[in-house]
Amino acid sequence: MKGVSAVVATILILLITVALAASAYVWFNTVFQQTTTTGSQQTQKVGQQITTQFSIASAVYSPTPAPPASCTGDACATLVYLQNTGSQDITPSEVSFFVDNIKAATTTTGVPATFKVGETQLWKIQNATGDYDSKQFCTGKTLKVTGPGGLAQTTTISC
């Protein structure tokens, strides 16, 4: 029985080497591309977090007049004043409000299309359900406001 000739063996070894090198190139190229993309996205997110800042000036449950047994809409709203303290404008649709980690309905009546740097704006969190009065709503409720880039601020709602 005869073995594989030296020429055929050399060609097979070269083909296997080229295939391995090509596979390694494709794998490393994919890994570096994914790493670069992820790194770029994280850099953008951090940059946005640095330039996009706001603070909660106040959050007050302010029914007008005194809350009836059941009230809805602006009559029983929590008034939240936010100040844009960053160096970048904020779009109101990028801001969300949570009361005790439950997303709250808000009105942006009077809030312009762009929340400009240095401005303080009024946002109203509405009582959509009508199932609480001022004592129930105010006692120990936490307001969390989230913005672009994962920015979040929390405070306790006062009465």
N, C-alpha and C. Protein backbone atom coordinates (compact mmCIF):
# COMPACT_ATOMS: atom_id res chain seq x y z
N MET A 1 0.85 -1.15 0.00
CA MET A 1 0.00 0.00 0.00
C MET A 1 0.91 1.23 0.00
N LYS A 2 0.56 2.11 -0.88
CA LYS A 2 1.37 3.31 -1.00
C LYS A 2 0.73 4.46 -0.24
N GLY A 3 1.53 5.36 0.30
CA GLY A 3 1.05 6.53 1.03
C GLY A 3 0.83 7.70 0.10
N VAL A 4 0.44 8.79 0.68
CA VAL A 4 0.21 10.02 -0.08
C VAL A 4 1.58 10.59 -0.44
N SER A 5 1.66 11.06 -1.67
CA SER A 5 2.95 11.59 -2.12
C SER A 5 3.28 12.88 -1.36
N ALA A 6 4.53 13.23 -1.35
CA ALA A 6 5.00 14.41 -0.63
C ALA A 6 4.39 15.68 -1.19
N VAL A 7 4.18 15.77 -2.46
CA VAL A 7 3.59 16.96 -3.08
C VAL A 7 2.14 17.13 -2.63
N VAL A 8 1.38 16.03 -2.66
CA VAL A 8 -0.03 16.09 -2.24
C VAL A 8 -0.11 16.43 -0.75
N ALA A 9 0.75 15.86 0.07
CA ALA A 9 0.76 16.14 1.50
C ALA A 9 1.07 17.61 1.77
N THR A 10 2.03 18.15 1.03
CA THR A 10 2.39 19.56 1.19
C THR A 10 1.23 20.45 0.80
N ILE A 11 0.56 20.13 -0.28
CA ILE A 11 -0.60 20.93 -0.73
C ILE A 11 -1.72 20.86 0.31
N LEU A 12 -1.97 19.67 0.85
CA LEU A 12 -3.02 19.52 1.87
C LEU A 12 -2.69 20.34 3.12
N ILE A 13 -1.44 20.30 3.56
CA ILE A 13 -1.04 21.08 4.73
C ILE A 13 -1.19 22.57 4.48
N LEU A 14 -0.82 23.03 3.27
CA LEU A 14 -0.98 24.44 2.92
C LEU A 14 -2.45 24.85 2.91
N LEU A 15 -3.32 24.00 2.35
CA LEU A 15 -4.76 24.31 2.31
C LEU A 15 -5.35 24.38 3.72
N ILE A 16 -4.96 23.43 4.56
CA ILE A 16 -5.46 23.43 5.94
C ILE A 16 -4.98 24.70 6.67
N THR A 17 -3.72 25.08 6.46
CA THR A 17 -3.16 26.28 7.10
C THR A 17 -3.89 27.53 6.63
N VAL A 18 -4.13 27.63 5.32
CA VAL A 18 -4.84 28.79 4.77
C VAL A 18 -6.28 28.83 5.31
N ALA A 19 -6.94 27.68 5.41
CA ALA A 19 -8.32 27.64 5.93
C ALA A 19 -8.35 28.07 7.40
N LEU A 20 -7.39 27.60 8.18
CA LEU A 20 -7.33 27.99 9.59
C LEU A 20 -7.05 29.49 9.74
N ALA A 21 -6.14 29.99 8.91
CA ALA A 21 -5.82 31.42 8.97
C ALA A 21 -7.04 32.26 8.58
N ALA A 22 -7.77 31.84 7.55
CA ALA A 22 -8.96 32.57 7.12
C ALA A 22 -10.04 32.53 8.21
N SER A 23 -10.21 31.37 8.84
CA SER A 23 -11.20 31.26 9.93
C SER A 23 -10.82 32.16 11.10
N ALA A 24 -9.55 32.16 11.47
CA ALA A 24 -9.09 33.02 12.56
C ALA A 24 -9.29 34.48 12.21
N TYR A 25 -9.02 34.88 10.97
CA TYR A 25 -9.21 36.27 10.53
C TYR A 25 -10.67 36.67 10.66
N VAL A 26 -11.57 35.83 10.17
CA VAL A 26 -13.00 36.15 10.23
C VAL A 26 -13.45 36.26 11.69
N TRP A 27 -13.02 35.34 12.55
CA TRP A 27 -13.42 35.36 13.94
C TRP A 27 -12.90 36.60 14.64
N PHE A 28 -11.61 36.90 14.50
CA PHE A 28 -11.04 38.09 15.15
C PHE A 28 -11.67 39.37 14.62
N ASN A 29 -11.93 39.42 13.31
CA ASN A 29 -12.55 40.60 12.72
C ASN A 29 -13.94 40.82 13.32
N THR A 30 -14.72 39.76 13.47
CA THR A 30 -16.06 39.85 14.05
C THR A 30 -15.98 40.30 15.51
N VAL A 31 -15.08 39.71 16.28
CA VAL A 31 -14.95 40.08 17.70
C VAL A 31 -14.54 41.54 17.84
N PHE A 32 -13.57 41.99 17.08
CA PHE A 32 -13.12 43.38 17.17
C PHE A 32 -14.20 44.34 16.71
N GLN A 33 -14.95 43.97 15.67
CA GLN A 33 -16.03 44.83 15.18
C GLN A 33 -17.12 44.98 16.25
N GLN A 34 -17.51 43.87 16.89
CA GLN A 34 -18.52 43.93 17.94
C GLN A 34 -18.03 44.74 19.14
N THR A 35 -16.77 44.55 19.50
CA THR A 35 -16.19 45.29 20.61
C THR A 35 -16.16 46.78 20.31
N THR A 36 -15.79 47.14 19.10
CA THR A 36 -15.74 48.55 18.70
C THR A 36 -17.13 49.16 18.71
N THR A 37 -18.11 48.44 18.19
CA THR A 37 -19.49 48.94 18.16
C THR A 37 -20.02 49.15 19.58
N THR A 38 -19.82 48.15 20.44
CA THR A 38 -20.28 48.26 21.82
C THR A 38 -19.57 49.39 22.54
N GLY A 39 -18.28 49.51 22.34
CA GLY A 39 -17.51 50.59 22.97
C GLY A 39 -17.99 51.95 22.52
N SER A 40 -18.27 52.09 21.23
CA SER A 40 -18.76 53.37 20.70
C SER A 40 -20.12 53.71 21.29
N GLN A 41 -21.00 52.72 21.40
CA GLN A 41 -22.32 52.96 21.97
C GLN A 41 -22.20 53.37 23.43
N GLN A 42 -21.33 52.71 24.18
CA GLN A 42 -21.15 53.05 25.58
C GLN A 42 -20.56 54.46 25.73
N THR A 43 -19.63 54.81 24.86
CA THR A 43 -19.04 56.15 24.89
C THR A 43 -20.10 57.20 24.62
N GLN A 44 -20.97 56.96 23.64
CA GLN A 44 -22.05 57.90 23.35
C GLN A 44 -22.99 58.02 24.54
N LYS A 45 -23.31 56.89 25.18
CA LYS A 45 -24.23 56.91 26.32
C LYS A 45 -23.62 57.70 27.47
N VAL A 46 -22.35 57.48 27.75
CA VAL A 46 -21.68 58.22 28.84
C VAL A 46 -21.63 59.71 28.50
N GLY A 47 -21.31 60.03 27.24
CA GLY A 47 -21.29 61.42 26.82
C GLY A 47 -22.64 62.09 26.98
N GLN A 48 -23.70 61.35 26.65
CA GLN A 48 -25.05 61.89 26.80
C GLN A 48 -25.38 62.07 28.28
N GLN A 49 -24.97 61.12 29.12
CA GLN A 49 -25.23 61.24 30.55
C GLN A 49 -24.49 62.43 31.14
N ILE A 50 -23.29 62.70 30.66
CA ILE A 50 -22.51 63.82 31.18
C ILE A 50 -23.14 65.15 30.78
N THR A 51 -23.60 65.25 29.54
CA THR A 51 -24.13 66.53 29.05
C THR A 51 -25.61 66.72 29.34
N THR A 52 -26.34 65.62 29.60
CA THR A 52 -27.77 65.71 29.87
C THR A 52 -27.99 65.50 31.36
N GLN A 53 -28.31 66.56 32.05
CA GLN A 53 -28.56 66.50 33.49
C GLN A 53 -29.82 67.31 33.80
N PHE A 54 -30.56 66.85 34.77
CA PHE A 54 -31.67 67.65 35.29
C PHE A 54 -31.79 67.40 36.78
N SER A 55 -32.47 68.28 37.45
CA SER A 55 -32.71 68.09 38.88
C SER A 55 -34.18 68.33 39.15
N ILE A 56 -34.66 67.67 40.18
CA ILE A 56 -36.05 67.86 40.61
C ILE A 56 -36.05 69.02 41.60
N ALA A 57 -36.61 70.15 41.18
CA ALA A 57 -36.67 71.31 42.06
C ALA A 57 -37.69 71.08 43.17
N SER A 58 -38.85 70.50 42.80
CA SER A 58 -39.86 70.17 43.81
C SER A 58 -40.86 69.19 43.22
N ALA A 59 -41.51 68.46 44.10
CA ALA A 59 -42.59 67.53 43.72
C ALA A 59 -43.64 67.61 44.83
N VAL A 60 -44.75 68.28 44.52
CA VAL A 60 -45.76 68.55 45.53
C VAL A 60 -47.12 68.08 45.03
N TYR A 61 -47.80 67.27 45.86
CA TYR A 61 -49.18 66.90 45.56
C TYR A 61 -50.03 68.10 45.89
N SER A 62 -50.72 68.63 44.88
CA SER A 62 -51.39 69.91 45.06
C SER A 62 -52.79 69.89 44.47
N PRO A 63 -53.73 69.24 45.16
CA PRO A 63 -55.09 69.26 44.64
C PRO A 63 -55.69 70.65 44.80
N THR A 64 -56.41 71.08 43.78
CA THR A 64 -57.10 72.37 43.86
C THR A 64 -58.53 72.19 43.38
N PRO A 65 -59.50 72.48 44.18
CA PRO A 65 -59.40 72.78 45.61
C PRO A 65 -59.04 71.52 46.39
N ALA A 66 -59.33 71.51 47.69
CA ALA A 66 -59.03 70.32 48.50
C ALA A 66 -59.64 69.10 47.84
N PRO A 67 -58.97 67.94 47.92
CA PRO A 67 -59.44 66.78 47.15
C PRO A 67 -60.81 66.29 47.59
N PRO A 68 -61.68 66.08 46.62
CA PRO A 68 -62.96 65.44 46.93
C PRO A 68 -62.72 63.95 47.17
N ALA A 69 -63.78 63.22 47.40
CA ALA A 69 -63.64 61.79 47.66
C ALA A 69 -62.96 61.09 46.48
N SER A 70 -63.22 61.55 45.29
CA SER A 70 -62.59 60.97 44.11
C SER A 70 -62.34 62.08 43.12
N CYS A 71 -61.10 62.23 42.70
CA CYS A 71 -60.79 63.28 41.74
C CYS A 71 -59.82 62.77 40.70
N THR A 72 -59.90 63.33 39.50
CA THR A 72 -59.02 62.90 38.42
C THR A 72 -58.50 64.12 37.69
N GLY A 73 -57.50 63.89 36.84
CA GLY A 73 -56.99 64.94 35.97
C GLY A 73 -56.19 65.98 36.73
N ASP A 74 -56.18 67.20 36.20
CA ASP A 74 -55.38 68.26 36.79
C ASP A 74 -55.89 68.71 38.16
N ALA A 75 -57.14 68.37 38.52
CA ALA A 75 -57.68 68.77 39.82
C ALA A 75 -56.91 68.10 40.94
N CYS A 76 -56.38 66.92 40.71
CA CYS A 76 -55.62 66.19 41.73
C CYS A 76 -54.30 65.75 41.10
N ALA A 77 -53.43 66.69 40.89
CA ALA A 77 -52.16 66.40 40.22
C ALA A 77 -51.00 66.65 41.16
N THR A 78 -49.92 65.93 40.90
CA THR A 78 -48.66 66.23 41.57
C THR A 78 -47.88 67.15 40.66
N LEU A 79 -47.50 68.29 41.18
CA LEU A 79 -46.77 69.27 40.39
C LEU A 79 -45.28 69.03 40.57
N VAL A 80 -44.60 68.78 39.46
CA VAL A 80 -43.17 68.49 39.49
C VAL A 80 -42.45 69.56 38.69
N TYR A 81 -41.52 70.23 39.35
CA TYR A 81 -40.70 71.22 38.66
C TYR A 81 -39.33 70.61 38.41
N LEU A 82 -38.98 70.50 37.13
CA LEU A 82 -37.67 69.99 36.73
C LEU A 82 -36.83 71.14 36.19
N GLN A 83 -35.56 71.12 36.52
CA GLN A 83 -34.63 72.11 35.97
C GLN A 83 -33.59 71.37 35.13
N ASN A 84 -33.40 71.85 33.90
CA ASN A 84 -32.37 71.29 33.02
C ASN A 84 -31.04 71.90 33.42
N THR A 85 -30.22 71.12 34.12
CA THR A 85 -28.94 71.60 34.63
C THR A 85 -27.76 71.14 33.78
N GLY A 86 -28.04 70.46 32.67
CA GLY A 86 -26.97 69.97 31.81
C GLY A 86 -26.56 70.99 30.78
N SER A 87 -25.82 70.53 29.80
CA SER A 87 -25.38 71.41 28.72
C SER A 87 -26.01 71.00 27.39
N GLN A 88 -27.10 70.24 27.47
CA GLN A 88 -27.79 69.77 26.26
C GLN A 88 -29.29 69.87 26.49
N ASP A 89 -30.02 70.28 25.45
CA ASP A 89 -31.48 70.33 25.54
C ASP A 89 -32.05 68.92 25.66
N ILE A 90 -33.24 68.83 26.26
CA ILE A 90 -33.92 67.55 26.45
C ILE A 90 -35.27 67.62 25.75
N THR A 91 -35.62 66.54 25.08
CA THR A 91 -36.94 66.42 24.47
C THR A 91 -37.90 65.86 25.53
N PRO A 92 -39.05 66.50 25.75
CA PRO A 92 -39.97 66.03 26.80
C PRO A 92 -40.35 64.55 26.68
N SER A 93 -40.40 64.02 25.46
CA SER A 93 -40.75 62.60 25.30
C SER A 93 -39.68 61.67 25.87
N GLU A 94 -38.48 62.19 26.16
CA GLU A 94 -37.41 61.39 26.74
C GLU A 94 -37.50 61.30 28.26
N VAL A 95 -38.45 62.01 28.85
CA VAL A 95 -38.58 62.07 30.31
C VAL A 95 -39.78 61.21 30.72
N SER A 96 -39.57 60.36 31.73
CA SER A 96 -40.64 59.52 32.27
C SER A 96 -40.72 59.68 33.77
N PHE A 97 -41.91 59.51 34.31
CA PHE A 97 -42.16 59.68 35.74
C PHE A 97 -42.70 58.38 36.32
N PHE A 98 -42.22 58.02 37.50
CA PHE A 98 -42.66 56.81 38.18
C PHE A 98 -42.96 57.17 39.63
N VAL A 99 -44.13 56.73 40.11
CA VAL A 99 -44.49 56.91 41.52
C VAL A 99 -44.45 55.52 42.13
N ASP A 100 -43.56 55.34 43.09
CA ASP A 100 -43.32 54.02 43.70
C ASP A 100 -43.10 52.95 42.62
N ASN A 101 -42.27 53.29 41.65
CA ASN A 101 -41.87 52.41 40.54
C ASN A 101 -42.99 52.01 39.60
N ILE A 102 -44.08 52.76 39.61
CA ILE A 102 -45.17 52.54 38.65
C ILE A 102 -45.22 53.75 37.75
N LYS A 103 -45.16 53.51 36.43
CA LYS A 103 -45.13 54.62 35.48
C LYS A 103 -46.40 55.46 35.62
N ALA A 104 -46.20 56.76 35.68
CA ALA A 104 -47.31 57.69 35.90
C ALA A 104 -47.63 58.44 34.61
N ALA A 105 -48.92 58.76 34.45
CA ALA A 105 -49.35 59.57 33.32
C ALA A 105 -49.01 61.03 33.63
N THR A 106 -48.52 61.73 32.63
CA THR A 106 -48.15 63.14 32.84
C THR A 106 -48.76 63.99 31.75
N THR A 107 -48.87 65.27 32.06
CA THR A 107 -49.23 66.24 31.04
C THR A 107 -48.07 67.20 30.90
N THR A 108 -47.82 67.59 29.69
CA THR A 108 -46.74 68.53 29.42
C THR A 108 -47.32 69.85 28.92
N THR A 109 -48.53 70.18 29.42
CA THR A 109 -49.15 71.43 29.03
C THR A 109 -48.22 72.58 29.40
N GLY A 110 -47.87 73.37 28.43
CA GLY A 110 -47.00 74.49 28.67
C GLY A 110 -45.52 74.16 28.53
N VAL A 111 -45.18 72.87 28.46
CA VAL A 111 -43.78 72.48 28.27
C VAL A 111 -43.48 72.56 26.77
N PRO A 112 -42.50 73.33 26.37
CA PRO A 112 -42.19 73.46 24.94
C PRO A 112 -41.65 72.15 24.37
N ALA A 113 -41.55 72.11 23.06
CA ALA A 113 -41.08 70.91 22.37
C ALA A 113 -39.65 70.55 22.78
N THR A 114 -38.89 71.52 23.22
CA THR A 114 -37.52 71.29 23.69
C THR A 114 -37.36 71.90 25.07
N PHE A 115 -36.88 71.10 26.00
CA PHE A 115 -36.62 71.52 27.37
C PHE A 115 -35.20 72.07 27.38
N LYS A 116 -35.08 73.39 27.28
CA LYS A 116 -33.79 74.04 27.06
C LYS A 116 -32.91 74.08 28.31
N VAL A 117 -31.61 74.18 28.08
CA VAL A 117 -30.62 74.26 29.15
C VAL A 117 -30.94 75.45 30.05
N GLY A 118 -30.94 75.22 31.37
CA GLY A 118 -31.16 76.29 32.34
C GLY A 118 -32.62 76.55 32.67
N GLU A 119 -33.54 76.02 31.88
CA GLU A 119 -34.97 76.26 32.13
C GLU A 119 -35.49 75.37 33.25
N THR A 120 -36.52 75.87 33.92
CA THR A 120 -37.28 75.07 34.88
C THR A 120 -38.69 74.94 34.32
N GLN A 121 -39.18 73.71 34.22
CA GLN A 121 -40.49 73.46 33.63
C GLN A 121 -41.40 72.73 34.61
N LEU A 122 -42.69 73.01 34.50
CA LEU A 122 -43.71 72.35 35.31
C LEU A 122 -44.25 71.14 34.55
N TRP A 123 -44.29 70.02 35.23
CA TRP A 123 -44.89 68.79 34.69
C TRP A 123 -45.96 68.38 35.69
N LYS A 124 -47.08 67.87 35.20
CA LYS A 124 -48.17 67.45 36.08
C LYS A 124 -48.35 65.95 35.97
N ILE A 125 -48.25 65.28 37.13
CA ILE A 125 -48.56 63.85 37.19
C ILE A 125 -50.01 63.75 37.60
N GLN A 126 -50.81 63.15 36.75
CA GLN A 126 -52.24 63.12 36.99
C GLN A 126 -52.65 61.89 37.78
N ASN A 127 -53.70 62.08 38.56
CA ASN A 127 -54.36 60.98 39.24
C ASN A 127 -55.37 60.43 38.25
N ALA A 128 -54.97 59.42 37.51
CA ALA A 128 -55.84 58.88 36.47
C ALA A 128 -56.91 57.97 37.04
N THR A 129 -56.67 57.40 38.22
CA THR A 129 -57.60 56.41 38.75
C THR A 129 -58.61 56.99 39.71
N GLY A 130 -58.29 58.10 40.37
CA GLY A 130 -59.22 58.70 41.31
C GLY A 130 -59.40 57.89 42.58
N ASP A 131 -58.44 56.99 42.88
CA ASP A 131 -58.63 56.08 44.00
C ASP A 131 -57.81 56.45 45.23
N TYR A 132 -57.32 57.68 45.31
CA TYR A 132 -56.57 58.07 46.48
C TYR A 132 -56.86 59.53 46.84
N ASP A 133 -56.70 59.83 48.10
CA ASP A 133 -56.80 61.22 48.52
C ASP A 133 -55.40 61.71 48.87
N SER A 134 -55.29 62.95 49.29
CA SER A 134 -53.97 63.55 49.51
C SER A 134 -53.17 62.81 50.57
N LYS A 135 -53.81 62.34 51.64
CA LYS A 135 -53.07 61.64 52.70
C LYS A 135 -52.51 60.32 52.18
N GLN A 136 -53.31 59.56 51.45
CA GLN A 136 -52.84 58.29 50.92
C GLN A 136 -51.74 58.50 49.89
N PHE A 137 -51.90 59.52 49.06
CA PHE A 137 -50.95 59.72 47.97
C PHE A 137 -49.64 60.28 48.46
N CYS A 138 -49.67 61.13 49.45
CA CYS A 138 -48.45 61.81 49.88
C CYS A 138 -47.59 61.00 50.82
N THR A 139 -48.18 60.19 51.64
CA THR A 139 -47.44 59.53 52.68
C THR A 139 -46.42 58.55 52.10
N GLY A 140 -45.13 58.96 52.16
CA GLY A 140 -44.04 58.07 51.78
C GLY A 140 -43.92 57.71 50.32
N LYS A 141 -44.59 58.41 49.43
CA LYS A 141 -44.51 58.09 48.01
C LYS A 141 -43.20 58.61 47.42
N THR A 142 -42.56 57.80 46.62
CA THR A 142 -41.30 58.18 46.00
C THR A 142 -41.53 58.46 44.52
N LEU A 143 -41.02 59.59 44.09
CA LEU A 143 -41.08 59.97 42.69
C LEU A 143 -39.71 59.72 42.06
N LYS A 144 -39.72 59.01 40.95
CA LYS A 144 -38.49 58.77 40.19
C LYS A 144 -38.70 59.36 38.80
N VAL A 145 -37.76 60.18 38.38
CA VAL A 145 -37.83 60.79 37.05
C VAL A 145 -36.63 60.27 36.27
N THR A 146 -36.92 59.71 35.10
CA THR A 146 -35.84 59.20 34.25
C THR A 146 -35.75 60.04 32.99
N GLY A 147 -34.53 60.15 32.47
CA GLY A 147 -34.30 60.93 31.27
C GLY A 147 -33.39 60.21 30.30
N PRO A 148 -32.94 60.91 29.28
CA PRO A 148 -32.10 60.29 28.26
C PRO A 148 -30.79 59.77 28.83
N GLY A 149 -30.30 58.69 28.24
CA GLY A 149 -29.03 58.12 28.66
C GLY A 149 -29.07 57.39 29.99
N GLY A 150 -30.27 57.08 30.47
CA GLY A 150 -30.38 56.34 31.72
C GLY A 150 -30.31 57.21 32.97
N LEU A 151 -30.33 58.52 32.79
CA LEU A 151 -30.28 59.45 33.92
C LEU A 151 -31.54 59.26 34.77
N ALA A 152 -31.39 59.22 36.09
CA ALA A 152 -32.54 59.07 36.98
C ALA A 152 -32.33 59.91 38.25
N GLN A 153 -33.39 60.55 38.68
CA GLN A 153 -33.41 61.33 39.92
C GLN A 153 -34.61 60.87 40.74
N THR A 154 -34.48 60.84 42.05
CA THR A 154 -35.60 60.46 42.91
C THR A 154 -35.78 61.50 44.01
N THR A 155 -37.01 61.58 44.49
CA THR A 155 -37.36 62.45 45.61
C THR A 155 -38.63 61.92 46.23
N THR A 156 -38.97 62.43 47.40
CA THR A 156 -40.22 62.07 48.06
C THR A 156 -41.22 63.17 47.77
N ILE A 157 -42.43 62.76 47.41
CA ILE A 157 -43.49 63.71 47.10
C ILE A 157 -43.99 64.31 48.41
N SER A 158 -44.11 65.63 48.44
CA SER A 158 -44.62 66.30 49.65
C SER A 158 -46.03 66.79 49.41
N CYS A 159 -46.68 67.12 50.52
CA CYS A 159 -48.08 67.59 50.42
C CYS A 159 -48.14 69.08 50.65
